[in-house]
PDB file of N, CA and C in Angstrom:
ATOM      1  N   MET A   1       0.827  -1.195   0.000  1.00  0.00           N
ATOM      2  CA  MET A   1       0.000   0.000   0.000  1.00  0.00           C
ATOM      3  C   MET A   1       0.869   1.256   0.000  1.00  0.00           C
ATOM      4  N   ALA A   2       1.832   1.300  -0.866  1.00  0.00           N
ATOM      5  CA  ALA A   2       2.738   2.434  -0.938  1.00  0.00           C
ATOM      6  C   ALA A   2       2.048   3.685  -1.475  1.00  0.00           C
ATOM      7  N   ASP A   3       0.879   3.527  -2.091  1.00  0.00           N
ATOM      8  CA  ASP A   3       0.195   4.686  -2.656  1.00  0.00           C
ATOM      9  C   ASP A   3      -0.574   5.491  -1.609  1.00  0.00           C
ATOM     10  N   LYS A   4      -0.727   4.960  -0.414  1.00  0.00           N
ATOM     11  CA  LYS A   4      -1.423   5.686   0.646  1.00  0.00           C
ATOM     12  C   LYS A   4      -0.435   6.482   1.481  1.00  0.00           C
ATOM     13  N   ARG A   5      -0.836   7.716   1.800  1.00  0.00           N
ATOM     14  CA  ARG A   5       0.006   8.557   2.659  1.00  0.00           C
ATOM     15  C   ARG A   5      -0.195   8.167   4.118  1.00  0.00           C
ATOM     16  N   ASP A   6       0.785   8.496   4.913  1.00  0.00           N
ATOM     17  CA  ASP A   6       0.703   8.260   6.353  1.00  0.00           C
ATOM     18  C   ASP A   6      -0.482   9.041   6.915  1.00  0.00           C
ATOM     19  N   TYR A   7      -1.315   8.392   7.720  1.00  0.00           N
ATOM     20  CA  TYR A   7      -2.521   9.026   8.246  1.00  0.00           C
ATOM     21  C   TYR A   7      -2.201  10.227   9.139  1.00  0.00           C
ATOM     22  N   TYR A   8      -1.122  10.152   9.865  1.00  0.00           N
ATOM     23  CA  TYR A   8      -0.730  11.293  10.708  1.00  0.00           C
ATOM     24  C   TYR A   8      -0.355  12.492   9.826  1.00  0.00           C
ATOM     25  N   GLU A   9       0.333  12.203   8.725  1.00  0.00           N
ATOM     26  CA  GLU A   9       0.724  13.247   7.780  1.00  0.00           C
ATOM     27  C   GLU A   9      -0.521  13.863   7.121  1.00  0.00           C
ATOM     28  N   VAL A  10      -1.482  13.020   6.776  1.00  0.00           N
ATOM     29  CA  VAL A  10      -2.719  13.498   6.143  1.00  0.00           C
ATOM     30  C   VAL A  10      -3.399  14.539   7.025  1.00  0.00           C
ATOM     31  N   LEU A  11      -3.492  14.248   8.324  1.00  0.00           N
ATOM     32  CA  LEU A  11      -4.157  15.167   9.242  1.00  0.00           C
ATOM     33  C   LEU A  11      -3.224  16.254   9.776  1.00  0.00           C
ATOM     34  N   GLY A  12      -1.934  16.093   9.567  1.00  0.00           N
ATOM     35  CA  GLY A  12      -0.982  17.105  10.021  1.00  0.00           C
ATOM     36  C   GLY A  12      -0.774  17.098  11.521  1.00  0.00           C
ATOM     37  N   VAL A  13      -0.769  15.900  12.114  1.00  0.00           N
ATOM     38  CA  VAL A  13      -0.553  15.776  13.559  1.00  0.00           C
ATOM     39  C   VAL A  13       0.628  14.847  13.826  1.00  0.00           C
ATOM     40  N   ALA A  14       1.168  14.946  15.037  1.00  0.00           N
ATOM     41  CA  ALA A  14       2.277  14.083  15.444  1.00  0.00           C
ATOM     42  C   ALA A  14       1.737  12.698  15.811  1.00  0.00           C
ATOM     43  N   LYS A  15       2.621  11.704  15.790  1.00  0.00           N
ATOM     44  CA  LYS A  15       2.214  10.339  16.138  1.00  0.00           C
ATOM     45  C   LYS A  15       1.723  10.219  17.579  1.00  0.00           C
ATOM     46  N   ASP A  16       2.155  11.135  18.431  1.00  0.00           N
ATOM     47  CA  ASP A  16       1.714  11.090  19.834  1.00  0.00           C
ATOM     48  C   ASP A  16       0.580  12.083  20.106  1.00  0.00           C
ATOM     49  N   ALA A  17      -0.114  12.489  19.056  1.00  0.00           N
ATOM     50  CA  ALA A  17      -1.210  13.454  19.199  1.00  0.00           C
ATOM     51  C   ALA A  17      -2.346  12.876  20.038  1.00  0.00           C
ATOM     52  N   SER A  18      -2.974  13.742  20.815  1.00  0.00           N
ATOM     53  CA  SER A  18      -4.104  13.316  21.642  1.00  0.00           C
ATOM     54  C   SER A  18      -5.349  13.155  20.768  1.00  0.00           C
ATOM     55  N   ASP A  19      -6.363  12.505  21.328  1.00  0.00           N
ATOM     56  CA  ASP A  19      -7.617  12.324  20.602  1.00  0.00           C
ATOM     57  C   ASP A  19      -8.225  13.668  20.202  1.00  0.00           C
ATOM     58  N   SER A  20      -8.145  14.649  21.102  1.00  0.00           N
ATOM     59  CA  SER A  20      -8.724  15.955  20.794  1.00  0.00           C
ATOM     60  C   SER A  20      -7.935  16.672  19.691  1.00  0.00           C
ATOM     61  N   GLU A  21      -6.619  16.496  19.646  1.00  0.00           N
ATOM     62  CA  GLU A  21      -5.810  17.104  18.586  1.00  0.00           C
ATOM     63  C   GLU A  21      -6.159  16.477  17.227  1.00  0.00           C
ATOM     64  N   ILE A  22      -6.359  15.168  17.225  1.00  0.00           N
ATOM     65  CA  ILE A  22      -6.721  14.466  15.995  1.00  0.00           C
ATOM     66  C   ILE A  22      -8.091  14.933  15.517  1.00  0.00           C
ATOM     67  N   LYS A  23      -9.032  15.037  16.432  1.00  0.00           N
ATOM     68  CA  LYS A  23     -10.386  15.474  16.088  1.00  0.00           C
ATOM     69  C   LYS A  23     -10.370  16.895  15.531  1.00  0.00           C
ATOM     70  N   LYS A  24      -9.630  17.774  16.175  1.00  0.00           N
ATOM     71  CA  LYS A  24      -9.538  19.174  15.743  1.00  0.00           C
ATOM     72  C   LYS A  24      -8.917  19.256  14.344  1.00  0.00           C
ATOM     73  N   ALA A  25      -7.856  18.500  14.111  1.00  0.00           N
ATOM     74  CA  ALA A  25      -7.190  18.508  12.806  1.00  0.00           C
ATOM     75  C   ALA A  25      -8.117  17.977  11.722  1.00  0.00           C
ATOM     76  N   TYR A  26      -8.865  16.923  12.049  1.00  0.00           N
ATOM     77  CA  TYR A  26      -9.807  16.366  11.068  1.00  0.00           C
ATOM     78  C   TYR A  26     -10.887  17.382  10.718  1.00  0.00           C
ATOM     79  N   HIS A  27     -11.467  18.008  11.725  1.00  0.00           N
ATOM     80  CA  HIS A  27     -12.539  18.986  11.467  1.00  0.00           C
ATOM     81  C   HIS A  27     -12.042  20.151  10.605  1.00  0.00           C
ATOM     82  N   LYS A  28     -10.814  20.555  10.821  1.00  0.00           N
ATOM     83  CA  LYS A  28     -10.224  21.638  10.031  1.00  0.00           C
ATOM     84  C   LYS A  28     -10.103  21.211   8.561  1.00  0.00           C
ATOM     85  N   LYS A  29      -9.601  19.997   8.334  1.00  0.00           N
ATOM     86  CA  LYS A  29      -9.460  19.478   6.969  1.00  0.00           C
ATOM     87  C   LYS A  29     -10.829  19.243   6.331  1.00  0.00           C
ATOM     88  N   ALA A  30     -11.757  18.674   7.084  1.00  0.00           N
ATOM     89  CA  ALA A  30     -13.081  18.379   6.547  1.00  0.00           C
ATOM     90  C   ALA A  30     -13.792  19.655   6.118  1.00  0.00           C
ATOM     91  N   LYS A  31     -13.663  20.683   6.930  1.00  0.00           N
ATOM     92  CA  LYS A  31     -14.300  21.969   6.602  1.00  0.00           C
ATOM     93  C   LYS A  31     -13.682  22.564   5.333  1.00  0.00           C
ATOM     94  N   LYS A  32     -12.371  22.452   5.210  1.00  0.00           N
ATOM     95  CA  LYS A  32     -11.667  23.021   4.061  1.00  0.00           C
ATOM     96  C   LYS A  32     -11.988  22.277   2.763  1.00  0.00           C
ATOM     97  N   TYR A  33     -12.079  20.947   2.818  1.00  0.00           N
ATOM     98  CA  TYR A  33     -12.203  20.134   1.608  1.00  0.00           C
ATOM     99  C   TYR A  33     -13.583  19.537   1.370  1.00  0.00           C
ATOM    100  N   HIS A  34     -14.562  19.877   2.186  1.00  0.00           N
ATOM    101  CA  HIS A  34     -15.882  19.265   2.055  1.00  0.00           C
ATOM    102  C   HIS A  34     -16.453  19.498   0.658  1.00  0.00           C
ATOM    103  N   PRO A  35     -17.054  18.459   0.055  1.00  0.00           N
ATOM    104  CA  PRO A  35     -17.614  18.588  -1.298  1.00  0.00           C
ATOM    105  C   PRO A  35     -18.676  19.688  -1.428  1.00  0.00           C
ATOM    106  N   ASP A  36     -19.419  19.975  -0.373  1.00  0.00           N
ATOM    107  CA  ASP A  36     -20.422  21.042  -0.439  1.00  0.00           C
ATOM    108  C   ASP A  36     -19.777  22.423  -0.547  1.00  0.00           C
ATOM    109  N   VAL A  37     -18.570  22.547  -0.013  1.00  0.00           N
ATOM    110  CA  VAL A  37     -17.848  23.820  -0.071  1.00  0.00           C
ATOM    111  C   VAL A  37     -17.089  23.942  -1.394  1.00  0.00           C
ATOM    112  N   ASN A  38     -16.721  22.799  -1.968  1.00  0.00           N
ATOM    113  CA  ASN A  38     -15.940  22.757  -3.209  1.00  0.00           C
ATOM    114  C   ASN A  38     -16.648  21.907  -4.273  1.00  0.00           C
ATOM    115  N   PRO A  39     -17.827  22.314  -4.722  1.00  0.00           N
ATOM    116  CA  PRO A  39     -18.561  21.488  -5.692  1.00  0.00           C
ATOM    117  C   PRO A  39     -17.783  21.316  -6.998  1.00  0.00           C
ATOM    118  N   GLY A  40     -17.676  20.055  -7.431  1.00  0.00           N
ATOM    119  CA  GLY A  40     -17.006  19.757  -8.686  1.00  0.00           C
ATOM    120  C   GLY A  40     -15.492  19.701  -8.624  1.00  0.00           C
ATOM    121  N   ASP A  41     -14.899  19.955  -7.461  1.00  0.00           N
ATOM    122  CA  ASP A  41     -13.438  19.938  -7.319  1.00  0.00           C
ATOM    123  C   ASP A  41     -12.991  18.533  -6.912  1.00  0.00           C
ATOM    124  N   LYS A  42     -12.455  17.801  -7.875  1.00  0.00           N
ATOM    125  CA  LYS A  42     -12.061  16.403  -7.632  1.00  0.00           C
ATOM    126  C   LYS A  42     -10.895  16.297  -6.639  1.00  0.00           C
ATOM    127  N   ASP A  43      -9.987  17.259  -6.665  1.00  0.00           N
ATOM    128  CA  ASP A  43      -8.860  17.242  -5.723  1.00  0.00           C
ATOM    129  C   ASP A  43      -9.355  17.434  -4.287  1.00  0.00           C
ATOM    130  N   ALA A  44     -10.278  18.368  -4.108  1.00  0.00           N
ATOM    131  CA  ALA A  44     -10.835  18.603  -2.776  1.00  0.00           C
ATOM    132  C   ALA A  44     -11.587  17.372  -2.293  1.00  0.00           C
ATOM    133  N   GLU A  45     -12.320  16.742  -3.201  1.00  0.00           N
ATOM    134  CA  GLU A  45     -13.065  15.525  -2.846  1.00  0.00           C
ATOM    135  C   GLU A  45     -12.106  14.412  -2.409  1.00  0.00           C
ATOM    136  N   ALA A  46     -11.011  14.255  -3.138  1.00  0.00           N
ATOM    137  CA  ALA A  46     -10.017  13.235  -2.796  1.00  0.00           C
ATOM    138  C   ALA A  46      -9.378  13.541  -1.438  1.00  0.00           C
ATOM    139  N   ASN A  47      -9.068  14.809  -1.187  1.00  0.00           N
ATOM    140  CA  ASN A  47      -8.490  15.200   0.104  1.00  0.00           C
ATOM    141  C   ASN A  47      -9.473  14.957   1.242  1.00  0.00           C
ATOM    142  N   PHE A  48     -10.753  15.239   0.996  1.00  0.00           N
ATOM    143  CA  PHE A  48     -11.782  15.017   2.010  1.00  0.00           C
ATOM    144  C   PHE A  48     -11.878  13.528   2.350  1.00  0.00           C
ATOM    145  N   LYS A  49     -11.896  12.685   1.320  1.00  0.00           N
ATOM    146  CA  LYS A  49     -11.985  11.232   1.539  1.00  0.00           C
ATOM    147  C   LYS A  49     -10.750  10.720   2.279  1.00  0.00           C
ATOM    148  N   GLU A  50      -9.588  11.224   1.910  1.00  0.00           N
ATOM    149  CA  GLU A  50      -8.344  10.816   2.555  1.00  0.00           C
ATOM    150  C   GLU A  50      -8.346  11.210   4.036  1.00  0.00           C
ATOM    151  N   ALA A  51      -8.788  12.427   4.333  1.00  0.00           N
ATOM    152  CA  ALA A  51      -8.850  12.897   5.715  1.00  0.00           C
ATOM    153  C   ALA A  51      -9.872  12.094   6.514  1.00  0.00           C
ATOM    154  N   SER A  52     -11.001  11.768   5.895  1.00  0.00           N
ATOM    155  CA  SER A  52     -12.036  10.977   6.569  1.00  0.00           C
ATOM    156  C   SER A  52     -11.534   9.577   6.899  1.00  0.00           C
ATOM    157  N   GLU A  53     -10.816   8.978   5.959  1.00  0.00           N
ATOM    158  CA  GLU A  53     -10.249   7.649   6.181  1.00  0.00           C
ATOM    159  C   GLU A  53      -9.212   7.686   7.313  1.00  0.00           C
ATOM    160  N   ALA A  54      -8.375   8.704   7.299  1.00  0.00           N
ATOM    161  CA  ALA A  54      -7.362   8.853   8.343  1.00  0.00           C
ATOM    162  C   ALA A  54      -8.024   9.021   9.711  1.00  0.00           C
ATOM    163  N   TYR A  55      -9.060   9.836   9.765  1.00  0.00           N
ATOM    164  CA  TYR A  55      -9.754  10.072  11.041  1.00  0.00           C
ATOM    165  C   TYR A  55     -10.445   8.808  11.528  1.00  0.00           C
ATOM    166  N   GLU A  56     -11.027   8.056  10.604  1.00  0.00           N
ATOM    167  CA  GLU A  56     -11.695   6.802  10.984  1.00  0.00           C
ATOM    168  C   GLU A  56     -10.726   5.865  11.712  1.00  0.00           C
ATOM    169  N   ILE A  57      -9.508   5.790  11.229  1.00  0.00           N
ATOM    170  CA  ILE A  57      -8.505   4.899  11.829  1.00  0.00           C
ATOM    171  C   ILE A  57      -7.941   5.495  13.114  1.00  0.00           C
ATOM    172  N   LEU A  58      -7.535   6.750  13.075  1.00  0.00           N
ATOM    173  CA  LEU A  58      -6.844   7.343  14.224  1.00  0.00           C
ATOM    174  C   LEU A  58      -7.769   7.672  15.390  1.00  0.00           C
ATOM    175  N   SER A  59      -9.063   7.790  15.140  1.00  0.00           N
ATOM    176  CA  SER A  59      -9.993   8.108  16.229  1.00  0.00           C
ATOM    177  C   SER A  59     -10.444   6.865  16.985  1.00  0.00           C
ATOM    178  N   ASP A  60     -10.160   5.688  16.450  1.00  0.00           N
ATOM    179  CA  ASP A  60     -10.519   4.419  17.088  1.00  0.00           C
ATOM    180  C   ASP A  60      -9.262   3.843  17.741  1.00  0.00           C
ATOM    181  N   LYS A  61      -9.286   3.697  19.068  1.00  0.00           N
ATOM    182  CA  LYS A  61      -8.081   3.265  19.795  1.00  0.00           C
ATOM    183  C   LYS A  61      -7.510   1.950  19.269  1.00  0.00           C
ATOM    184  N   GLU A  62      -8.369   0.973  19.014  1.00  0.00           N
ATOM    185  CA  GLU A  62      -7.903  -0.332  18.548  1.00  0.00           C
ATOM    186  C   GLU A  62      -7.301  -0.236  17.141  1.00  0.00           C
ATOM    187  N   LYS A  63      -7.981   0.448  16.238  1.00  0.00           N
ATOM    188  CA  LYS A  63      -7.472   0.596  14.867  1.00  0.00           C
ATOM    189  C   LYS A  63      -6.176   1.406  14.860  1.00  0.00           C
ATOM    190  N   ARG A  64      -6.121   2.439  15.699  1.00  0.00           N
ATOM    191  CA  ARG A  64      -4.910   3.262  15.769  1.00  0.00           C
ATOM    192  C   ARG A  64      -3.726   2.436  16.261  1.00  0.00           C
ATOM    193  N   GLN A  65      -3.960   1.588  17.240  1.00  0.00           N
ATOM    194  CA  GLN A  65      -2.889   0.740  17.766  1.00  0.00           C
ATOM    195  C   GLN A  65      -2.383  -0.203  16.675  1.00  0.00           C
ATOM    196  N   ARG A  66      -3.305  -0.821  15.919  1.00  0.00           N
ATOM    197  CA  ARG A  66      -2.899  -1.714  14.826  1.00  0.00           C
ATOM    198  C   ARG A  66      -2.166  -0.940  13.736  1.00  0.00           C
ATOM    199  N   TYR A  67      -2.636   0.265  13.434  1.00  0.00           N
ATOM    200  CA  TYR A  67      -1.976   1.088  12.415  1.00  0.00           C
ATOM    201  C   TYR A  67      -0.564   1.462  12.860  1.00  0.00           C
ATOM    202  N   ASP A  68      -0.428   1.851  14.137  1.00  0.00           N
ATOM    203  CA  ASP A  68       0.904   2.213  14.644  1.00  0.00           C
ATOM    204  C   ASP A  68       1.867   1.036  14.600  1.00  0.00           C
ATOM    205  N   GLN A  69       1.328  -0.157  14.815  1.00  0.00           N
ATOM    206  CA  GLN A  69       2.188  -1.334  14.854  1.00  0.00           C
ATOM    207  C   GLN A  69       2.487  -1.884  13.447  1.00  0.00           C
ATOM    208  N   PHE A  70       1.474  -1.937  12.576  1.00  0.00           N
ATOM    209  CA  PHE A  70       1.633  -2.602  11.282  1.00  0.00           C
ATOM    210  C   PHE A  70       1.485  -1.678  10.073  1.00  0.00           C
ATOM    211  N   GLY A  71       1.193  -0.422  10.280  1.00  0.00           N
ATOM    212  CA  GLY A  71       0.980   0.480   9.160  1.00  0.00           C
ATOM    213  C   GLY A  71      -0.350   0.186   8.470  1.00  0.00           C
ATOM    214  N   HIS A  72      -0.444   0.510   7.209  1.00  0.00           N
ATOM    215  CA  HIS A  72      -1.692   0.320   6.469  1.00  0.00           C
ATOM    216  C   HIS A  72      -2.107  -1.147   6.417  1.00  0.00           C
ATOM    217  N   ALA A  73      -1.158  -2.061   6.451  1.00  0.00           N
ATOM    218  CA  ALA A  73      -1.470  -3.479   6.409  1.00  0.00           C
ATOM    219  C   ALA A  73      -2.296  -3.915   7.624  1.00  0.00           C
ATOM    220  N   GLY A  74      -2.151  -3.231   8.724  1.00  0.00           N
ATOM    221  CA  GLY A  74      -2.878  -3.590   9.944  1.00  0.00           C
ATOM    222  C   GLY A  74      -4.334  -3.165   9.949  1.00  0.00           C
ATOM    223  N   VAL A  75      -4.703  -2.269   9.043  1.00  0.00           N
ATOM    224  CA  VAL A  75      -6.073  -1.760   9.037  1.00  0.00           C
ATOM    225  C   VAL A  75      -6.808  -1.984   7.717  1.00  0.00           C
ATOM    226  N   ASP A  76      -6.139  -2.524   6.725  1.00  0.00           N
ATOM    227  CA  ASP A  76      -6.798  -2.774   5.436  1.00  0.00           C
ATOM    228  C   ASP A  76      -7.476  -4.127   5.410  1.00  0.00           C
TER     229      ASP A  76
END
């Protein structure tokens, strides 16, 4: 899965970021790239989906632990 970016990099947070820091970073990205704010912008849509996927993994303690240990292979 070399084509996927690091989830921490996607959200712009450190690997030791708290749950609230992750949530805040996700909301900032979601607001910026939301399809309703950027109608027809495929790049914004892709960024929104990427941020949503990153948040889904990093906001769940079990998934985040597997991701930290195994990378994308642990959560795919």
